[in-house]
Amino acid sequence: MKEITGTRKRIISLDAIRGFALFGILMVNILAFHSPHFLYGGASEFYQAEWDGPFLVMIDLFFQASFYPLFSLLFGIGMYLMYERLQQSVQNEAKKVLRRRMFVLALIGLAHGLFIWYGDILLTYSIVGLFTLLFIHKSVKSLVKWAASMLLITTLLLTFMYYQARDFVDGYQDHGAIRESFAHYLGSYSDILSRNFTDWLIMFDPFQIIIITLTILPMFLTGIIIVKLGWLKDIEGNLKQIRMWLGISFIIFALFKIGPYAFGMPAWMDFMQDTIGGSFSSIFYLLLLLILFEKRYFFRFQRIMSGVGKLSLTNYLMQSVICFLIFYGVGLGWYGELTVPALVALALLIYSMQALFSHWYLSKYQYGPFEWIYRSLTYGRKQAFKRRA
């Protein structure tokens, strides 16, 4: 077998973790496509089948608010690796190229959010990515202080606000908005666009953008910290430190994700559960997979996931298109019709199809169609598309 260099091995591992993150994102997003309960409440009305409750708890514990932070970690890692590479070739132009990259991502995210699905994360990543450039030169110690402060202060303030308004947030349900959602998302494309724009404005409310920036930016910075510590270049040499943080992240993950259920999972604890529990669960997943992918018996799993991860932008956008056609009125119209186990099975089916497609596609092409556009516009020149024989 041909020997894989350390750099190449590192890239394959990151692609595989990115592919794993896409599965987790789909598991949560498919629920948001299926009903309006994330925005307007009423989950108990949509999901009343026998196994809906246990499956919702499973998704809440292991998927909800865990995989966007994981993708944020990977985004931070990718940004800093790209910055290092650009510094060696174009030096003073490195930040300029990265800013252009964020601008291109913002355009893709804006089109995705306005014309397909209000829950787009790409525009948010582009905004946070621009802020990340302000921290890219800082030391590990400084980055840790900034990341911890932002995450902790934001969580404490928002949790306090939710606690003060606990009588309102507990059992919150906007019946009018729910009715409007069903009427529009099961209607024509113009009806869907109208409601989607309304929901997009809620997601991109200025206050919402500030809060999400203060919770995602720490994960971008954590990604940079991991690169600067040298963990990716020498996993074996840093294994003791990685295992220590694997244990710490698991403890915090368990306390903040599972802990609220000991108190009946009140709604005012949602933000704390998602922000602290979700952030540390993402760190746990990343470190665990980095260790596992060093083992030969995880090579097959790594190879499958890496194919999906190499086409992460294309697969993310295609997940939205597929869900759009399954749940909305212009397609099958299954909005609000399925049980949670059926949605989980559907997510597994979609992801399996994407894994097969990615494997076939990468045997012929170097980049996915959206990755190719993204790279070409970032570097200002047309990139090679087909794979050489």
Protein backbone atom coordinates (compact mmCIF):
# COMPACT_ATOMS: atom_id res chain seq x y z
CA MET A 1 0.00 0.00 0.00
CA LYS A 2 1.26 3.44 -0.87
CA GLU A 3 2.42 5.38 2.19
CA ILE A 4 0.28 8.41 3.03
CA THR A 5 2.25 11.44 4.17
CA GLY A 6 1.43 13.20 7.44
CA THR A 7 -0.03 16.24 5.67
CA ARG A 8 -2.17 14.13 3.34
CA LYS A 9 -3.33 11.97 6.27
CA ARG A 10 -4.32 15.08 8.18
CA ILE A 11 -6.37 16.41 5.23
CA ILE A 12 -8.17 13.06 4.79
CA SER A 13 -9.05 13.01 8.50
CA LEU A 14 -10.42 16.56 8.37
CA ASP A 15 -12.47 15.71 5.26
CA ALA A 16 -13.85 12.64 7.05
CA ILE A 17 -14.82 14.67 10.13
CA ARG A 18 -16.43 17.22 7.83
CA GLY A 19 -18.42 14.40 6.23
CA PHE A 20 -19.48 13.18 9.68
CA ALA A 21 -20.58 16.72 10.58
CA LEU A 22 -22.76 16.86 7.47
CA PHE A 23 -24.67 13.81 8.67
CA GLY A 24 -25.33 15.45 12.05
CA ILE A 25 -26.43 18.69 10.38
CA LEU A 26 -28.88 16.77 8.19
CA MET A 27 -30.35 14.98 11.22
CA VAL A 28 -31.31 18.33 12.76
CA ASN A 29 -32.15 20.23 9.57
CA ILE A 30 -34.58 17.58 8.38
CA LEU A 31 -36.71 18.30 11.48
CA ALA A 32 -36.62 22.04 10.70
CA PHE A 33 -37.70 21.37 7.10
CA HIS A 34 -40.49 19.08 8.29
CA SER A 35 -42.27 21.45 10.68
CA PRO A 36 -42.06 25.01 12.07
CA HIS A 37 -41.55 23.97 15.71
CA PHE A 38 -37.95 25.26 15.97
CA LEU A 39 -39.18 28.79 15.29
CA TYR A 40 -42.73 28.75 16.61
CA GLY A 41 -42.99 25.89 19.13
CA GLY A 42 -45.55 23.10 19.19
CA ALA A 43 -43.26 20.08 18.79
CA SER A 44 -45.53 17.99 21.02
CA GLU A 45 -48.42 18.54 18.58
CA PHE A 46 -46.44 17.49 15.51
CA TYR A 47 -44.78 14.46 17.08
CA GLN A 48 -47.26 12.33 19.05
CA ALA A 49 -46.37 8.81 17.84
CA GLU A 50 -45.09 6.25 20.37
CA TRP A 51 -41.39 6.53 19.47
CA ASP A 52 -41.32 10.22 18.64
CA GLY A 53 -40.42 11.30 22.20
CA PRO A 54 -37.37 9.00 22.68
CA PHE A 55 -36.06 9.84 19.21
CA LEU A 56 -36.42 13.57 19.84
CA VAL A 57 -34.46 13.21 23.09
CA MET A 58 -31.75 11.24 21.25
CA ILE A 59 -31.46 13.96 18.61
CA ASP A 60 -31.43 16.67 21.28
CA LEU A 61 -28.64 14.97 23.25
CA PHE A 62 -26.32 13.90 20.46
CA PHE A 63 -27.12 16.07 17.43
CA GLN A 64 -28.92 19.31 18.27
CA ALA A 65 -26.47 22.27 18.49
CA SER A 66 -23.48 19.90 18.27
CA PHE A 67 -22.73 19.75 14.56
CA TYR A 68 -22.84 23.41 13.52
CA PRO A 69 -20.21 24.05 16.22
CA LEU A 70 -18.26 21.04 14.89
CA PHE A 71 -18.40 22.54 11.40
CA SER A 72 -17.34 25.86 12.94
CA LEU A 73 -14.30 24.17 14.49
CA LEU A 74 -13.42 22.70 11.10
CA PHE A 75 -13.98 26.07 9.43
CA GLY A 76 -11.57 27.71 11.86
CA ILE A 77 -9.01 24.97 11.26
CA GLY A 78 -9.41 25.29 7.49
CA MET A 79 -9.10 29.08 7.60
CA TYR A 80 -5.87 28.99 9.54
CA LEU A 81 -4.35 26.21 7.41
CA MET A 82 -5.23 28.23 4.31
CA TYR A 83 -3.78 31.37 5.90
CA GLU A 84 -0.49 29.55 6.61
CA ARG A 85 -0.36 28.25 3.05
CA LEU A 86 -1.10 31.68 1.55
CA GLN A 87 1.53 33.30 3.75
CA GLN A 88 4.14 31.10 2.09
CA SER A 89 3.04 32.05 -1.43
CA VAL A 90 1.43 35.49 -1.48
CA GLN A 91 2.35 36.77 2.02
CA ASN A 92 0.69 40.20 2.38
CA GLU A 93 -2.21 39.06 0.17
CA ALA A 94 -3.28 36.24 2.53
CA LYS A 95 -5.97 38.21 4.37
CA LYS A 96 -7.18 39.74 1.11
CA VAL A 97 -7.75 36.28 -0.39
CA LEU A 98 -9.53 35.10 2.78
CA ARG A 99 -11.77 38.18 2.78
CA ARG A 100 -12.69 37.48 -0.83
CA ARG A 101 -13.40 33.88 0.14
CA MET A 102 -15.81 35.06 2.86
CA PHE A 103 -17.52 37.43 0.41
CA VAL A 104 -18.09 34.60 -2.09
CA LEU A 105 -19.42 32.37 0.69
CA ALA A 106 -21.79 35.17 1.75
CA LEU A 107 -23.24 35.36 -1.78
CA ILE A 108 -23.79 31.60 -1.88
CA GLY A 109 -25.35 31.68 1.59
CA LEU A 110 -27.60 34.60 0.71
CA ALA A 111 -28.92 32.81 -2.39
CA HIS A 112 -29.41 29.59 -0.40
CA GLY A 113 -31.20 31.37 2.45
CA LEU A 114 -33.52 33.48 0.30
CA PHE A 115 -34.46 31.00 -2.43
CA ILE A 116 -34.23 27.57 -0.79
CA TRP A 117 -34.14 27.54 3.02
CA TYR A 118 -34.22 30.22 5.71
CA GLY A 119 -31.99 28.13 8.02
CA ASP A 120 -28.84 28.74 5.95
CA ILE A 121 -25.60 28.85 7.98
CA LEU A 122 -23.19 29.89 5.20
CA LEU A 123 -23.93 33.62 5.40
CA THR A 124 -23.36 33.46 9.17
CA TYR A 125 -20.06 31.62 8.67
CA SER A 126 -18.91 34.29 6.23
CA ILE A 127 -19.65 37.06 8.76
CA VAL A 128 -17.94 35.17 11.59
CA GLY A 129 -15.03 34.35 9.26
CA LEU A 130 -14.39 38.06 8.70
CA PHE A 131 -14.29 38.65 12.46
CA THR A 132 -11.95 35.67 12.81
CA LEU A 133 -9.33 37.48 10.70
CA LEU A 134 -9.02 40.03 13.52
CA PHE A 135 -7.76 37.26 15.83
CA ILE A 136 -5.63 35.22 13.44
CA HIS A 137 -2.28 36.63 14.70
CA LYS A 138 -3.05 36.26 18.40
CA SER A 139 -1.27 33.79 20.65
CA VAL A 140 -2.87 30.59 21.90
CA LYS A 141 -3.21 32.08 25.39
CA SER A 142 -4.99 35.16 24.04
CA LEU A 143 -7.28 33.08 21.80
CA VAL A 144 -8.29 30.89 24.75
CA LYS A 145 -9.19 33.99 26.80
CA TRP A 146 -11.25 35.51 23.98
CA ALA A 147 -13.07 32.26 23.12
CA ALA A 148 -13.87 31.38 26.75
CA SER A 149 -14.98 34.93 27.63
CA MET A 150 -17.33 35.27 24.66
CA LEU A 151 -18.91 31.86 25.21
CA LEU A 152 -19.30 32.22 28.98
CA ILE A 153 -20.53 35.83 29.10
CA THR A 154 -23.05 35.33 26.27
CA THR A 155 -24.37 32.14 27.86
CA LEU A 156 -24.77 33.70 31.30
CA LEU A 157 -26.56 36.79 29.96
CA LEU A 158 -28.95 34.91 27.69
CA THR A 159 -29.69 32.22 30.28
CA PHE A 160 -30.49 34.92 32.83
CA MET A 161 -32.80 36.64 30.31
CA TYR A 162 -34.57 33.36 29.51
CA TYR A 163 -34.94 32.60 33.23
CA GLN A 164 -36.52 36.00 33.83
CA ALA A 165 -38.97 35.30 30.98
CA ARG A 166 -39.45 31.61 31.89
CA ASP A 167 -43.22 31.90 32.15
CA PHE A 168 -43.29 33.07 28.54
CA VAL A 169 -40.73 30.68 27.00
CA ASP A 170 -42.08 27.55 28.73
CA GLY A 171 -44.64 26.07 26.37
CA TYR A 172 -44.23 28.91 23.85
CA GLN A 173 -46.30 28.36 20.73
CA ASP A 174 -47.30 30.82 18.01
CA HIS A 175 -50.45 29.23 16.57
CA GLY A 176 -50.92 31.92 13.92
CA ALA A 177 -47.37 31.55 12.56
CA ILE A 178 -47.73 27.76 12.55
CA ARG A 179 -50.92 27.97 10.47
CA GLU A 180 -49.24 30.42 8.10
CA SER A 181 -46.24 28.11 7.75
CA PHE A 182 -48.42 25.15 6.74
CA ALA A 183 -50.48 27.26 4.33
CA HIS A 184 -47.41 28.71 2.59
CA TYR A 185 -44.94 25.81 2.62
CA LEU A 186 -47.59 23.52 1.15
CA GLY A 187 -48.49 26.11 -1.48
CA SER A 188 -46.90 27.33 -4.71
CA TYR A 189 -43.26 28.35 -5.07
CA SER A 190 -44.18 32.01 -4.63
CA ASP A 191 -46.04 31.11 -1.40
CA ILE A 192 -42.97 29.20 -0.18
CA LEU A 193 -40.64 32.10 -1.03
CA SER A 194 -42.88 34.54 0.83
CA ARG A 195 -42.93 32.50 4.05
CA ASN A 196 -39.27 31.57 3.70
CA PHE A 197 -38.35 35.26 3.54
CA THR A 198 -40.39 35.96 6.68
CA ASP A 199 -38.59 33.16 8.54
CA TRP A 200 -35.21 34.26 7.13
CA LEU A 201 -35.76 37.74 8.58
CA ILE A 202 -36.33 36.15 12.00
CA MET A 203 -33.13 34.13 11.69
CA PHE A 204 -31.16 37.20 10.59
CA ASP A 205 -32.57 39.68 13.04
CA PRO A 206 -29.66 41.97 14.14
CA PHE A 207 -29.89 40.76 17.76
CA GLN A 208 -29.88 37.17 16.55
CA ILE A 209 -26.79 37.80 14.41
CA ILE A 210 -24.91 39.31 17.36
CA ILE A 211 -25.74 36.35 19.61
CA ILE A 212 -24.92 33.70 17.03
CA THR A 213 -21.63 35.47 16.20
CA LEU A 214 -20.65 35.50 19.87
CA THR A 215 -21.36 31.76 20.15
CA ILE A 216 -19.89 30.58 16.81
CA LEU A 217 -16.77 32.78 16.82
CA PRO A 218 -15.36 30.97 19.89
CA MET A 219 -15.49 27.71 17.92
CA PHE A 220 -13.66 29.28 14.97
CA LEU A 221 -11.00 30.45 17.44
CA THR A 222 -10.84 27.01 19.04
CA GLY A 223 -10.12 25.56 15.60
CA ILE A 224 -7.19 27.98 15.24
CA ILE A 225 -5.98 27.04 18.73
CA ILE A 226 -5.91 23.35 17.78
CA VAL A 227 -3.76 24.10 14.72
CA LYS A 228 -1.41 26.41 16.65
CA LEU A 229 -0.93 23.78 19.36
CA GLY A 230 0.34 21.41 16.66
CA TRP A 231 -2.19 18.68 17.45
CA LEU A 232 -3.01 18.06 13.79
CA LYS A 233 0.61 17.78 12.66
CA ASP A 234 1.58 15.33 15.40
CA ILE A 235 -1.38 13.54 16.96
CA GLU A 236 0.76 10.77 18.46
CA GLY A 237 3.17 13.26 20.03
CA ASN A 238 0.30 15.24 21.58
CA LEU A 239 -1.86 12.23 22.46
CA LYS A 240 -1.67 12.77 26.23
CA GLN A 241 -2.91 16.36 25.94
CA ILE A 242 -5.56 15.42 23.38
CA ARG A 243 -6.88 12.61 25.60
CA MET A 244 -7.00 14.96 28.59
CA TRP A 245 -9.16 17.44 26.66
CA LEU A 246 -11.21 14.58 25.26
CA GLY A 247 -12.11 13.66 28.85
CA ILE A 248 -12.76 17.26 29.92
CA SER A 249 -14.97 17.96 26.89
CA PHE A 250 -16.93 14.75 27.50
CA ILE A 251 -17.63 15.67 31.14
CA ILE A 252 -18.85 19.18 30.20
CA PHE A 253 -20.80 17.71 27.25
CA ALA A 254 -22.55 15.24 29.60
CA LEU A 255 -23.23 17.81 32.35
CA PHE A 256 -24.75 20.46 30.08
CA LYS A 257 -26.44 18.22 27.54
CA ILE A 258 -27.87 15.57 29.87
CA GLY A 259 -27.93 17.58 33.11
CA PRO A 260 -30.96 19.78 32.25
CA TYR A 261 -33.10 16.63 31.93
CA ALA A 262 -32.61 16.09 35.67
CA PHE A 263 -34.61 19.32 36.15
CA GLY A 264 -37.34 18.40 33.67
CA MET A 265 -35.62 20.16 30.74
CA PRO A 266 -37.16 23.64 31.31
CA ALA A 267 -37.12 25.88 28.22
CA TRP A 268 -35.05 28.57 29.93
CA MET A 269 -32.10 26.12 30.05
CA ASP A 270 -32.19 25.52 26.27
CA PHE A 271 -29.63 28.18 25.40
CA MET A 272 -27.16 27.00 28.02
CA GLN A 273 -27.64 23.38 26.95
CA ASP A 274 -27.05 24.23 23.30
CA THR A 275 -24.22 26.72 23.72
CA ILE A 276 -22.06 25.08 26.39
CA GLY A 277 -23.18 21.48 25.89
CA GLY A 278 -23.21 21.77 22.10
CA SER A 279 -19.81 23.48 21.91
CA PHE A 280 -18.07 20.90 24.09
CA SER A 281 -19.80 17.98 22.42
CA SER A 282 -18.37 19.25 19.12
CA ILE A 283 -14.87 19.38 20.66
CA PHE A 284 -15.39 15.85 21.98
CA TYR A 285 -16.48 14.55 18.55
CA LEU A 286 -13.53 16.22 16.82
CA LEU A 287 -10.87 14.92 19.22
CA LEU A 288 -12.41 11.44 19.36
CA LEU A 289 -12.44 11.13 15.58
CA LEU A 290 -8.90 12.46 15.27
CA ILE A 291 -7.74 9.65 17.58
CA LEU A 292 -9.88 6.96 15.93
CA PHE A 293 -8.76 7.86 12.42
CA GLU A 294 -5.20 7.08 13.48
CA LYS A 295 -6.30 3.42 13.80
CA ARG A 296 -6.14 1.26 10.70
CA TYR A 297 -9.46 -0.46 11.38
CA PHE A 298 -11.28 2.89 10.96
CA PHE A 299 -9.82 3.42 7.49
CA ARG A 300 -12.94 2.24 5.62
CA PHE A 301 -15.24 4.49 7.70
CA GLN A 302 -12.80 7.38 7.20
CA ARG A 303 -12.73 6.82 3.44
CA ILE A 304 -16.55 6.86 3.15
CA MET A 305 -16.89 9.99 5.26
CA SER A 306 -14.00 11.81 3.56
CA GLY A 307 -15.73 11.55 0.17
CA VAL A 308 -18.81 13.32 1.57
CA GLY A 309 -16.59 15.88 3.31
CA LYS A 310 -14.64 16.75 0.17
CA LEU A 311 -17.94 17.81 -1.38
CA SER A 312 -19.20 19.42 1.82
CA LEU A 313 -20.53 22.62 0.22
CA THR A 314 -22.26 20.79 -2.63
CA ASN A 315 -23.68 18.12 -0.30
CA TYR A 316 -24.91 20.72 2.20
CA LEU A 317 -26.76 22.65 -0.51
CA MET A 318 -28.11 19.46 -2.07
CA GLN A 319 -29.49 18.35 1.31
CA SER A 320 -31.56 21.54 1.32
CA VAL A 321 -32.76 21.01 -2.27
CA ILE A 322 -33.74 17.40 -1.54
CA CYS A 323 -35.62 18.34 1.66
CA PHE A 324 -37.27 21.24 -0.18
CA LEU A 325 -38.65 18.80 -2.76
CA ILE A 326 -39.69 16.20 -0.17
CA PHE A 327 -41.52 18.44 2.30
CA TYR A 328 -42.82 21.48 0.45
CA GLY A 329 -45.87 21.86 -1.79
CA VAL A 330 -43.90 22.01 -5.05
CA GLY A 331 -42.66 18.47 -4.33
CA LEU A 332 -44.09 15.58 -2.31
CA GLY A 333 -45.72 17.88 0.26
CA TRP A 334 -44.81 15.79 3.34
CA TYR A 335 -44.62 18.89 5.56
CA GLY A 336 -45.71 17.88 9.08
CA GLU A 337 -46.71 14.37 7.93
CA LEU A 338 -43.93 12.06 9.19
CA THR A 339 -42.92 10.59 12.54
CA VAL A 340 -39.46 11.24 13.99
CA PRO A 341 -38.23 7.63 13.36
CA ALA A 342 -39.34 8.04 9.72
CA LEU A 343 -37.41 11.32 9.49
CA VAL A 344 -34.30 9.65 10.94
CA ALA A 345 -34.62 6.83 8.38
CA LEU A 346 -35.07 9.41 5.63
CA ALA A 347 -31.93 11.27 6.77
CA LEU A 348 -29.96 7.99 6.68
CA LEU A 349 -31.24 7.30 3.17
CA ILE A 350 -30.34 10.78 1.88
CA TYR A 351 -26.90 10.63 3.45
CA SER A 352 -26.24 7.14 2.05
CA MET A 353 -27.15 8.37 -1.42
CA GLN A 354 -24.80 11.32 -0.99
CA ALA A 355 -21.97 9.01 0.12
CA LEU A 356 -22.42 6.85 -3.00
CA PHE A 357 -22.68 9.91 -5.24
CA SER A 358 -19.58 11.50 -3.69
CA HIS A 359 -17.52 8.32 -4.21
CA TRP A 360 -18.55 8.13 -7.88
CA TYR A 361 -18.17 11.85 -8.52
CA LEU A 362 -14.66 12.12 -7.04
CA SER A 363 -13.44 9.33 -9.30
CA LYS A 364 -14.02 11.73 -12.22
CA TYR A 365 -13.70 15.26 -10.85
CA GLN A 366 -11.37 17.08 -8.44
CA TYR A 367 -13.99 19.38 -6.94
CA GLY A 368 -17.73 19.48 -6.50
CA PRO A 369 -19.57 22.01 -8.71
CA PHE A 370 -20.05 24.50 -5.86
CA GLU A 371 -16.55 23.87 -4.49
CA TRP A 372 -15.21 24.66 -7.97
CA ILE A 373 -17.16 27.93 -8.15
CA TYR A 374 -16.09 28.79 -4.59
CA ARG A 375 -12.39 28.17 -5.30
CA SER A 376 -12.38 29.84 -8.72
CA LEU A 377 -13.95 33.04 -7.39
CA THR A 378 -11.74 32.99 -4.28
CA TYR A 379 -8.49 32.77 -6.24
CA GLY A 380 -9.73 34.87 -9.15
CA ARG A 381 -8.91 32.26 -11.76
CA LYS A 382 -10.55 29.19 -13.22
CA GLN A 383 -9.59 26.03 -11.34
CA ALA A 384 -8.93 22.63 -12.91
CA PHE A 385 -12.15 20.64 -12.76
CA LYS A 386 -11.72 17.14 -14.17
CA ARG A 387 -9.44 14.66 -12.48
CA ARG A 388 -6.40 13.76 -14.50
CA ALA A 389 -6.05 10.17 -15.67
